C-alpha atoms as a PDB file:
ATOM      1  CA  MET A   1       0.000   0.000   0.000  1.00  0.00           C
ATOM      2  CA  THR A   2       1.316   3.458  -0.845  1.00  0.00           C
ATOM      3  CA  ASP A   3       0.231   6.966   0.059  1.00  0.00           C
ATOM      4  CA  ASP A   4      -0.530   9.478  -2.648  1.00  0.00           C
ATOM      5  CA  THR A   5       1.055  12.556  -1.105  1.00  0.00           C
ATOM      6  CA  THR A   6      -0.861  14.969  -3.316  1.00  0.00           C
ATOM      7  CA  SER A   7      -4.370  13.829  -2.432  1.00  0.00           C
ATOM      8  CA  GLY A   8      -3.798  11.920   0.809  1.00  0.00           C
ATOM      9  CA  THR A   9      -5.561   8.804  -0.545  1.00  0.00           C
ATOM     10  CA  ARG A  10      -4.083   5.349  -0.281  1.00  0.00           C
ATOM     11  CA  GLN A  11      -3.171   3.499  -3.456  1.00  0.00           C
ATOM     12  CA  PRO A  12      -2.549  -0.241  -3.904  1.00  0.00           C
ATOM     13  CA  ASP A  13       1.078  -1.291  -4.070  1.00  0.00           C
ATOM     14  CA  ALA A  14       2.297  -1.487  -7.673  1.00  0.00           C
ATOM     15  CA  ALA A  15       3.328  -5.133  -7.076  1.00  0.00           C
ATOM     16  CA  LEU A  16      -0.381  -6.079  -7.012  1.00  0.00           C
ATOM     17  CA  ARG A  17      -0.556  -5.290 -10.732  1.00  0.00           C
ATOM     18  CA  ALA A  18       1.194  -8.640 -11.314  1.00  0.00           C
ATOM     19  CA  LEU A  19      -2.208 -10.209 -10.562  1.00  0.00           C
ATOM     20  CA  ASP A  20      -3.785  -8.442 -13.567  1.00  0.00           C
ATOM     21  CA  ARG A  21      -3.053 -11.561 -15.636  1.00  0.00           C
ATOM     22  CA  LEU A  22      -5.728 -13.402 -13.599  1.00  0.00           C
ATOM     23  CA  VAL A  23      -8.496 -10.885 -14.335  1.00  0.00           C
ATOM     24  CA  GLY A  24     -11.110 -12.341 -16.660  1.00  0.00           C
ATOM     25  CA  THR A  25     -13.132 -15.522 -16.976  1.00  0.00           C
ATOM     26  CA  TRP A  26     -11.425 -18.901 -16.985  1.00  0.00           C
ATOM     27  CA  ARG A  27     -12.892 -22.252 -18.018  1.00  0.00           C
ATOM     28  CA  ILE A  28     -12.100 -25.080 -15.596  1.00  0.00           C
ATOM     29  CA  SER A  29     -11.707 -28.663 -16.827  1.00  0.00           C
ATOM     30  CA  GLY A  30     -10.537 -31.953 -15.383  1.00  0.00           C
ATOM     31  CA  ASP A  31     -12.042 -33.435 -12.218  1.00  0.00           C
ATOM     32  CA  ALA A  32     -13.833 -30.099 -11.704  1.00  0.00           C
ATOM     33  CA  THR A  33     -15.691 -28.330 -14.508  1.00  0.00           C
ATOM     34  CA  GLY A  34     -17.156 -24.853 -14.744  1.00  0.00           C
ATOM     35  CA  SER A  35     -15.844 -21.315 -14.904  1.00  0.00           C
ATOM     36  CA  VAL A  36     -14.210 -18.815 -12.586  1.00  0.00           C
ATOM     37  CA  THR A  37     -14.059 -15.040 -12.992  1.00  0.00           C
ATOM     38  CA  TYR A  38     -11.556 -12.748 -11.281  1.00  0.00           C
ATOM     39  CA  ARG A  39     -12.087  -8.991 -10.982  1.00  0.00           C
ATOM     40  CA  TRP A  40     -10.596  -6.178  -8.950  1.00  0.00           C
ATOM     41  CA  MET A  41     -12.695  -4.906  -6.067  1.00  0.00           C
ATOM     42  CA  GLN A  42     -13.259  -1.158  -6.157  1.00  0.00           C
ATOM     43  CA  GLY A  43     -10.054   0.581  -5.100  1.00  0.00           C
ATOM     44  CA  GLY A  44      -7.792  -2.119  -6.523  1.00  0.00           C
ATOM     45  CA  PHE A  45      -6.619  -3.577  -3.198  1.00  0.00           C
ATOM     46  CA  PHE A  46      -8.379  -6.946  -3.456  1.00  0.00           C
ATOM     47  CA  LEU A  47      -8.980  -9.496  -6.208  1.00  0.00           C
ATOM     48  CA  VAL A  48     -12.445 -11.088  -6.104  1.00  0.00           C
ATOM     49  CA  GLN A  49     -13.082 -14.664  -7.283  1.00  0.00           C
ATOM     50  CA  GLU A  50     -16.552 -15.676  -8.495  1.00  0.00           C
ATOM     51  CA  GLY A  51     -17.625 -18.802 -10.278  1.00  0.00           C
ATOM     52  CA  GLU A  52     -19.541 -22.033 -10.555  1.00  0.00           C
ATOM     53  CA  LEU A  53     -17.918 -25.447 -10.350  1.00  0.00           C
ATOM     54  CA  GLU A  54     -19.151 -29.018 -10.571  1.00  0.00           C
ATOM     55  CA  LEU A  55     -16.929 -31.419  -8.638  1.00  0.00           C
ATOM     56  CA  PHE A  56     -17.746 -35.105  -8.152  1.00  0.00           C
ATOM     57  CA  GLY A  57     -21.446 -34.424  -8.713  1.00  0.00           C
ATOM     58  CA  HIS A  58     -21.582 -31.465  -6.322  1.00  0.00           C
ATOM     59  CA  HIS A  59     -22.410 -27.961  -7.537  1.00  0.00           C
ATOM     60  CA  ASN A  60     -20.334 -25.216  -5.898  1.00  0.00           C
ATOM     61  CA  THR A  61     -20.875 -21.466  -6.132  1.00  0.00           C
ATOM     62  CA  LEU A  62     -17.779 -19.347  -5.557  1.00  0.00           C
ATOM     63  CA  HIS A  63     -19.508 -16.061  -4.924  1.00  0.00           C
ATOM     64  CA  ARG A  64     -21.192 -14.308  -2.090  1.00  0.00           C
ATOM     65  CA  ASP A  65     -22.398 -10.822  -2.850  1.00  0.00           C
ATOM     66  CA  HIS A  66     -21.409  -8.696   0.148  1.00  0.00           C
ATOM     67  CA  ARG A  67     -21.833  -5.402  -1.652  1.00  0.00           C
ATOM     68  CA  PRO A  68     -24.377  -2.974  -0.173  1.00  0.00           C
END
């Protein structure tokens, strides 16, 4: 985390940008099937994972909407 000295707001560390390659929707195959989407949470400090997977006959949802 870095401080923007001109506006006083906090900015995500530049090293987090290495995770940009994960952003998007990915198809899962193998023992588990489905898709997973990664997106940046507002502010850019956290990467959110959402998706739907089927694994050994069990359906799994990888998303809980905690936004107001």
